[in-house]
């Protein structure tokens, strides 16, 4: 029986695909079952092959990796996608988390880290490389500020699409109290709008 992790590679550079395939299959626990060179063909290959994990680049012709990831997750929420990119821009990282990817690693990562990330995602976890975590911490303005348990619940409900009235009913508190929590959260995190709060909740695992 083949118990290897079935992986689909999506990248528009053939040399990168060849290198990734060699590095991953040397691990002994990964079987590269397919390759695609852009987002559109990546979607087709993913739906046809049903891999355990998809390793997705961001910048590609026809459709980029973020758009492809969003479509795949919308069609099948159990799809496990891991972004592998040269980009270390914070907005890219937040967008990747928002559309449902399970992690983000840089192409400069070692083969061991890539294999470990794929294994973690396959087992239901998330993996953001150390470099990515450092970038988020250094570029964000919320620093080491932490949310209270109640605030974490509020931001989780907010990310799920609940209104203040719905959250008040769910938590058994007044709408005014919910609004106070929301203001406090924004102040602590230095975030001024709801879409960015939702991105934060997704990135830091505060969603259900």
C-alpha atoms as a PDB file:
ATOM      1  CA  UNK A   1       0.000   0.000   0.000  1.00  0.00           C
ATOM      2  CA  UNK A   2       1.268   3.462  -0.901  1.00  0.00           C
ATOM      3  CA  UNK A   3       0.999   5.679   2.178  1.00  0.00           C
ATOM      4  CA  UNK A   4       2.960   8.562   0.711  1.00  0.00           C
ATOM      5  CA  UNK A   5       1.525  12.088   0.730  1.00  0.00           C
ATOM      6  CA  UNK A   6       0.200  12.845  -2.758  1.00  0.00           C
ATOM      7  CA  UNK A   7       1.326  16.340  -3.794  1.00  0.00           C
ATOM      8  CA  UNK A   8       0.433  18.552  -6.767  1.00  0.00           C
ATOM      9  CA  UNK A   9       2.981  21.217  -7.761  1.00  0.00           C
ATOM     10  CA  UNK A  10       1.781  24.464  -9.381  1.00  0.00           C
ATOM     11  CA  UNK A  11       4.505  26.819 -10.669  1.00  0.00           C
ATOM     12  CA  UNK A  12       5.146  28.499 -14.000  1.00  0.00           C
ATOM     13  CA  UNK A  13       8.904  27.807 -14.038  1.00  0.00           C
ATOM     14  CA  UNK A  14       9.799  24.354 -15.335  1.00  0.00           C
ATOM     15  CA  UNK A  15      13.206  24.388 -13.624  1.00  0.00           C
ATOM     16  CA  UNK A  16      11.529  25.138 -10.300  1.00  0.00           C
ATOM     17  CA  UNK A  17       9.063  22.299 -10.835  1.00  0.00           C
ATOM     18  CA  UNK A  18      11.868  19.873 -11.676  1.00  0.00           C
ATOM     19  CA  UNK A  19      13.882  20.922  -8.642  1.00  0.00           C
ATOM     20  CA  UNK A  20      10.915  20.715  -6.290  1.00  0.00           C
ATOM     21  CA  UNK A  21       9.937  17.289  -7.562  1.00  0.00           C
ATOM     22  CA  UNK A  22      13.423  15.895  -6.976  1.00  0.00           C
ATOM     23  CA  UNK A  23      13.748  17.466  -3.513  1.00  0.00           C
ATOM     24  CA  UNK A  24      10.347  16.297  -2.317  1.00  0.00           C
ATOM     25  CA  UNK A  25      10.428  12.772  -3.655  1.00  0.00           C
ATOM     26  CA  UNK A  26      13.834  12.200  -2.066  1.00  0.00           C
ATOM     27  CA  UNK A  27      12.083  12.485   1.294  1.00  0.00           C
ATOM     28  CA  UNK A  28      10.551   9.051   0.844  1.00  0.00           C
ATOM     29  CA  UNK A  29       7.162  10.177   2.202  1.00  0.00           C
ATOM     30  CA  UNK A  30       5.966  12.336  -0.709  1.00  0.00           C
ATOM     31  CA  UNK A  31       4.736  11.331  -4.145  1.00  0.00           C
ATOM     32  CA  UNK A  32       4.448  14.187  -6.665  1.00  0.00           C
ATOM     33  CA  UNK A  33       1.344  13.117  -8.605  1.00  0.00           C
ATOM     34  CA  UNK A  34       1.045  16.092 -10.951  1.00  0.00           C
ATOM     35  CA  UNK A  35       2.392  19.433 -12.121  1.00  0.00           C
ATOM     36  CA  UNK A  36       0.724  22.574 -13.504  1.00  0.00           C
ATOM     37  CA  UNK A  37       2.149  25.820 -14.853  1.00  0.00           C
ATOM     38  CA  UNK A  38      -0.592  28.335 -13.996  1.00  0.00           C
ATOM     39  CA  UNK A  39      -3.615  28.842 -11.788  1.00  0.00           C
ATOM     40  CA  UNK A  40      -6.193  27.635 -14.321  1.00  0.00           C
ATOM     41  CA  UNK A  41      -4.406  24.395 -15.113  1.00  0.00           C
ATOM     42  CA  UNK A  42      -3.691  24.016 -11.406  1.00  0.00           C
ATOM     43  CA  UNK A  43      -7.428  24.064 -10.655  1.00  0.00           C
ATOM     44  CA  UNK A  44      -8.097  21.484 -13.356  1.00  0.00           C
ATOM     45  CA  UNK A  45      -5.288  19.226 -12.134  1.00  0.00           C
ATOM     46  CA  UNK A  46      -6.383  19.534  -8.503  1.00  0.00           C
ATOM     47  CA  UNK A  47      -9.972  18.567  -9.289  1.00  0.00           C
ATOM     48  CA  UNK A  48      -8.855  15.682 -11.494  1.00  0.00           C
ATOM     49  CA  UNK A  49      -6.114  14.277  -9.267  1.00  0.00           C
ATOM     50  CA  UNK A  50      -7.515  15.117  -5.804  1.00  0.00           C
ATOM     51  CA  UNK A  51      -4.038  15.391  -4.209  1.00  0.00           C
ATOM     52  CA  UNK A  52      -3.505  15.389  -0.456  1.00  0.00           C
ATOM     53  CA  UNK A  53      -1.629  18.713  -0.590  1.00  0.00           C
ATOM     54  CA  UNK A  54      -1.194  21.365  -3.290  1.00  0.00           C
ATOM     55  CA  UNK A  55       2.029  23.374  -3.338  1.00  0.00           C
ATOM     56  CA  UNK A  56       1.062  26.657  -5.037  1.00  0.00           C
ATOM     57  CA  UNK A  57       3.153  29.522  -6.421  1.00  0.00           C
ATOM     58  CA  UNK A  58       1.678  33.061  -6.401  1.00  0.00           C
ATOM     59  CA  UNK A  59       2.746  34.922  -9.553  1.00  0.00           C
ATOM     60  CA  UNK A  60       1.712  32.905 -12.615  1.00  0.00           C
ATOM     61  CA  UNK A  61       0.135  33.635 -16.013  1.00  0.00           C
ATOM     62  CA  UNK A  62      -3.605  33.182 -16.753  1.00  0.00           C
ATOM     63  CA  UNK A  63      -4.502  33.123 -13.052  1.00  0.00           C
ATOM     64  CA  UNK A  64      -2.337  33.758 -10.004  1.00  0.00           C
ATOM     65  CA  UNK A  65      -2.007  31.385  -7.077  1.00  0.00           C
ATOM     66  CA  UNK A  66      -4.106  33.431  -4.674  1.00  0.00           C
ATOM     67  CA  UNK A  67      -7.093  33.455  -7.051  1.00  0.00           C
ATOM     68  CA  UNK A  68      -6.669  29.747  -7.794  1.00  0.00           C
ATOM     69  CA  UNK A  69      -6.473  28.938  -4.092  1.00  0.00           C
ATOM     70  CA  UNK A  70      -9.638  30.892  -3.371  1.00  0.00           C
ATOM     71  CA  UNK A  71     -11.554  29.056  -6.103  1.00  0.00           C
ATOM     72  CA  UNK A  72     -10.343  25.621  -5.000  1.00  0.00           C
ATOM     73  CA  UNK A  73     -11.218  26.234  -1.357  1.00  0.00           C
ATOM     74  CA  UNK A  74     -14.650  27.584  -2.322  1.00  0.00           C
ATOM     75  CA  UNK A  75     -15.333  24.439  -4.337  1.00  0.00           C
ATOM     76  CA  UNK A  76     -13.910  22.059  -1.754  1.00  0.00           C
ATOM     77  CA  UNK A  77     -13.239  23.402   1.735  1.00  0.00           C
ATOM     78  CA  UNK A  78     -11.175  20.318   2.586  1.00  0.00           C
ATOM     79  CA  UNK A  79      -8.551  21.181  -0.048  1.00  0.00           C
ATOM     80  CA  UNK A  80      -5.149  21.631   1.615  1.00  0.00           C
ATOM     81  CA  UNK A  81      -3.050  24.293  -0.076  1.00  0.00           C
ATOM     82  CA  UNK A  82       0.410  25.461   0.880  1.00  0.00           C
ATOM     83  CA  UNK A  83       1.860  28.543  -0.811  1.00  0.00           C
ATOM     84  CA  UNK A  84       5.510  28.472  -1.844  1.00  0.00           C
ATOM     85  CA  UNK A  85       6.734  31.858  -3.082  1.00  0.00           C
ATOM     86  CA  UNK A  86       9.694  34.188  -3.442  1.00  0.00           C
ATOM     87  CA  UNK A  87       7.532  37.031  -2.102  1.00  0.00           C
ATOM     88  CA  UNK A  88       7.795  38.058   1.542  1.00  0.00           C
ATOM     89  CA  UNK A  89       5.329  40.954   1.373  1.00  0.00           C
ATOM     90  CA  UNK A  90       2.961  41.114   4.343  1.00  0.00           C
ATOM     91  CA  UNK A  91      -0.081  41.812   2.138  1.00  0.00           C
ATOM     92  CA  UNK A  92       0.586  38.669   0.136  1.00  0.00           C
ATOM     93  CA  UNK A  93       0.790  36.667   3.339  1.00  0.00           C
ATOM     94  CA  UNK A  94      -2.495  38.091   4.655  1.00  0.00           C
ATOM     95  CA  UNK A  95      -4.224  37.464   1.323  1.00  0.00           C
ATOM     96  CA  UNK A  96      -2.997  33.876   1.297  1.00  0.00           C
ATOM     97  CA  UNK A  97      -4.437  33.312   4.771  1.00  0.00           C
ATOM     98  CA  UNK A  98      -7.698  35.037   3.855  1.00  0.00           C
ATOM     99  CA  UNK A  99      -8.433  32.769   0.894  1.00  0.00           C
ATOM    100  CA  UNK A 100      -7.933  29.595   2.893  1.00  0.00           C
ATOM    101  CA  UNK A 101      -4.348  28.412   2.337  1.00  0.00           C
ATOM    102  CA  UNK A 102      -2.925  26.387   5.205  1.00  0.00           C
ATOM    103  CA  UNK A 103       0.503  27.944   5.180  1.00  0.00           C
ATOM    104  CA  UNK A 104       3.172  30.014   3.488  1.00  0.00           C
ATOM    105  CA  UNK A 105       6.837  29.202   2.977  1.00  0.00           C
ATOM    106  CA  UNK A 106       9.546  30.897   0.953  1.00  0.00           C
ATOM    107  CA  UNK A 107      11.284  29.247  -2.006  1.00  0.00           C
ATOM    108  CA  UNK A 108      14.547  29.737  -0.149  1.00  0.00           C
ATOM    109  CA  UNK A 109      13.378  27.230   2.478  1.00  0.00           C
ATOM    110  CA  UNK A 110      15.342  24.036   2.920  1.00  0.00           C
ATOM    111  CA  UNK A 111      14.068  20.732   1.593  1.00  0.00           C
ATOM    112  CA  UNK A 112      13.563  19.604   5.199  1.00  0.00           C
ATOM    113  CA  UNK A 113      11.297  22.571   5.932  1.00  0.00           C
ATOM    114  CA  UNK A 114       9.273  22.015   2.766  1.00  0.00           C
ATOM    115  CA  UNK A 115       8.731  18.379   3.641  1.00  0.00           C
ATOM    116  CA  UNK A 116       7.853  19.256   7.246  1.00  0.00           C
ATOM    117  CA  UNK A 117       5.388  21.926   6.064  1.00  0.00           C
ATOM    118  CA  UNK A 118       3.678  19.516   3.674  1.00  0.00           C
ATOM    119  CA  UNK A 119       3.456  16.875   6.410  1.00  0.00           C
ATOM    120  CA  UNK A 120       1.979  19.401   8.873  1.00  0.00           C
ATOM    121  CA  UNK A 121      -0.633  20.623   6.390  1.00  0.00           C
ATOM    122  CA  UNK A 122      -1.502  17.050   5.387  1.00  0.00           C
ATOM    123  CA  UNK A 123      -2.140  16.223   9.047  1.00  0.00           C
ATOM    124  CA  UNK A 124      -4.534  19.166   9.404  1.00  0.00           C
ATOM    125  CA  UNK A 125      -2.201  21.810  10.767  1.00  0.00           C
ATOM    126  CA  UNK A 126      -0.861  25.105   9.453  1.00  0.00           C
ATOM    127  CA  UNK A 127       2.699  26.093   8.677  1.00  0.00           C
ATOM    128  CA  UNK A 128       4.148  29.581   8.300  1.00  0.00           C
ATOM    129  CA  UNK A 129       7.918  29.597   8.020  1.00  0.00           C
ATOM    130  CA  UNK A 130      10.016  31.409  10.616  1.00  0.00           C
ATOM    131  CA  UNK A 131      10.934  34.119   8.093  1.00  0.00           C
ATOM    132  CA  UNK A 132       7.257  34.795   7.386  1.00  0.00           C
ATOM    133  CA  UNK A 133       6.431  34.971  11.091  1.00  0.00           C
ATOM    134  CA  UNK A 134       9.310  37.399  11.657  1.00  0.00           C
ATOM    135  CA  UNK A 135       8.119  39.609   8.786  1.00  0.00           C
ATOM    136  CA  UNK A 136       4.614  39.795  10.212  1.00  0.00           C
ATOM    137  CA  UNK A 137       5.869  40.663  13.667  1.00  0.00           C
ATOM    138  CA  UNK A 138       8.359  43.272  12.464  1.00  0.00           C
ATOM    139  CA  UNK A 139       5.949  45.004  10.077  1.00  0.00           C
ATOM    140  CA  UNK A 140       2.801  44.897  12.178  1.00  0.00           C
ATOM    141  CA  UNK A 141       1.960  47.602  14.683  1.00  0.00           C
ATOM    142  CA  UNK A 142       0.215  45.407  17.198  1.00  0.00           C
ATOM    143  CA  UNK A 143       3.538  44.148  18.589  1.00  0.00           C
ATOM    144  CA  UNK A 144       3.139  41.720  21.458  1.00  0.00           C
ATOM    145  CA  UNK A 145      -0.319  42.962  22.388  1.00  0.00           C
ATOM    146  CA  UNK A 146      -2.617  40.096  23.268  1.00  0.00           C
ATOM    147  CA  UNK A 147      -6.380  39.914  23.209  1.00  0.00           C
ATOM    148  CA  UNK A 148      -8.430  38.778  26.166  1.00  0.00           C
ATOM    149  CA  UNK A 149     -10.374  35.530  25.865  1.00  0.00           C
ATOM    150  CA  UNK A 150     -13.605  37.478  25.351  1.00  0.00           C
ATOM    151  CA  UNK A 151     -12.001  39.637  22.664  1.00  0.00           C
ATOM    152  CA  UNK A 152     -10.745  36.527  20.888  1.00  0.00           C
ATOM    153  CA  UNK A 153     -14.292  35.145  20.893  1.00  0.00           C
ATOM    154  CA  UNK A 154     -15.651  38.427  19.511  1.00  0.00           C
ATOM    155  CA  UNK A 155     -13.114  38.573  16.679  1.00  0.00           C
ATOM    156  CA  UNK A 156     -13.818  34.912  15.898  1.00  0.00           C
ATOM    157  CA  UNK A 157     -17.549  35.588  15.629  1.00  0.00           C
ATOM    158  CA  UNK A 158     -16.829  38.692  13.560  1.00  0.00           C
ATOM    159  CA  UNK A 159     -14.688  36.667  11.144  1.00  0.00           C
ATOM    160  CA  UNK A 160     -17.574  34.198  10.793  1.00  0.00           C
ATOM    161  CA  UNK A 161     -19.762  37.027   9.498  1.00  0.00           C
ATOM    162  CA  UNK A 162     -21.823  37.807  12.594  1.00  0.00           C
ATOM    163  CA  UNK A 163     -23.229  41.289  13.162  1.00  0.00           C
ATOM    164  CA  UNK A 164     -22.922  43.051  16.523  1.00  0.00           C
ATOM    165  CA  UNK A 165     -26.548  42.170  17.249  1.00  0.00           C
ATOM    166  CA  UNK A 166     -25.947  38.488  16.482  1.00  0.00           C
ATOM    167  CA  UNK A 167     -22.813  38.453  18.622  1.00  0.00           C
ATOM    168  CA  UNK A 168     -24.661  40.076  21.504  1.00  0.00           C
ATOM    169  CA  UNK A 169     -27.313  37.353  21.368  1.00  0.00           C
ATOM    170  CA  UNK A 170     -24.697  34.596  21.100  1.00  0.00           C
ATOM    171  CA  UNK A 171     -22.687  35.900  24.064  1.00  0.00           C
ATOM    172  CA  UNK A 172     -25.607  37.048  26.207  1.00  0.00           C
ATOM    173  CA  UNK A 173     -24.377  40.632  26.396  1.00  0.00           C
ATOM    174  CA  UNK A 174     -25.628  43.985  25.104  1.00  0.00           C
ATOM    175  CA  UNK A 175     -24.894  45.325  21.641  1.00  0.00           C
ATOM    176  CA  UNK A 176     -23.169  48.281  23.316  1.00  0.00           C
ATOM    177  CA  UNK A 177     -20.794  45.891  25.098  1.00  0.00           C
ATOM    178  CA  UNK A 178     -20.018  44.128  21.817  1.00  0.00           C
ATOM    179  CA  UNK A 179     -19.233  47.481  20.206  1.00  0.00           C
ATOM    180  CA  UNK A 180     -16.935  48.295  23.116  1.00  0.00           C
ATOM    181  CA  UNK A 181     -15.092  45.021  22.595  1.00  0.00           C
ATOM    182  CA  UNK A 182     -14.741  45.773  18.895  1.00  0.00           C
ATOM    183  CA  UNK A 183     -13.295  49.227  19.607  1.00  0.00           C
ATOM    184  CA  UNK A 184     -10.852  47.782  22.134  1.00  0.00           C
ATOM    185  CA  UNK A 185      -9.741  45.116  19.660  1.00  0.00           C
ATOM    186  CA  UNK A 186      -9.112  47.696  16.952  1.00  0.00           C
ATOM    187  CA  UNK A 187      -7.153  49.872  19.384  1.00  0.00           C
ATOM    188  CA  UNK A 188      -4.996  46.976  20.621  1.00  0.00           C
ATOM    189  CA  UNK A 189      -4.215  45.692  17.145  1.00  0.00           C
ATOM    190  CA  UNK A 190      -3.948  49.059  15.437  1.00  0.00           C
ATOM    191  CA  UNK A 191      -6.489  47.900  12.863  1.00  0.00           C
ATOM    192  CA  UNK A 192      -9.176  50.344  11.764  1.00  0.00           C
ATOM    193  CA  UNK A 193     -11.517  48.321   9.567  1.00  0.00           C
ATOM    194  CA  UNK A 194     -13.460  45.064   9.694  1.00  0.00           C
ATOM    195  CA  UNK A 195     -11.901  43.362   6.609  1.00  0.00           C
ATOM    196  CA  UNK A 196      -8.432  43.656   8.161  1.00  0.00           C
ATOM    197  CA  UNK A 197      -9.752  42.320  11.469  1.00  0.00           C
ATOM    198  CA  UNK A 198     -11.076  39.296   9.600  1.00  0.00           C
ATOM    199  CA  UNK A 199      -7.680  38.814   7.916  1.00  0.00           C
ATOM    200  CA  UNK A 200      -6.003  38.986  11.323  1.00  0.00           C
ATOM    201  CA  UNK A 201      -8.421  36.401  12.754  1.00  0.00           C
ATOM    202  CA  UNK A 202      -7.739  34.000   9.873  1.00  0.00           C
ATOM    203  CA  UNK A 203      -3.978  34.429   9.996  1.00  0.00           C
ATOM    204  CA  UNK A 204      -3.716  33.838  13.740  1.00  0.00           C
ATOM    205  CA  UNK A 205      -6.154  30.919  13.886  1.00  0.00           C
ATOM    206  CA  UNK A 206      -8.976  32.758  15.654  1.00  0.00           C
ATOM    207  CA  UNK A 207     -11.645  31.370  13.326  1.00  0.00           C
ATOM    208  CA  UNK A 208     -13.802  28.320  13.876  1.00  0.00           C
END
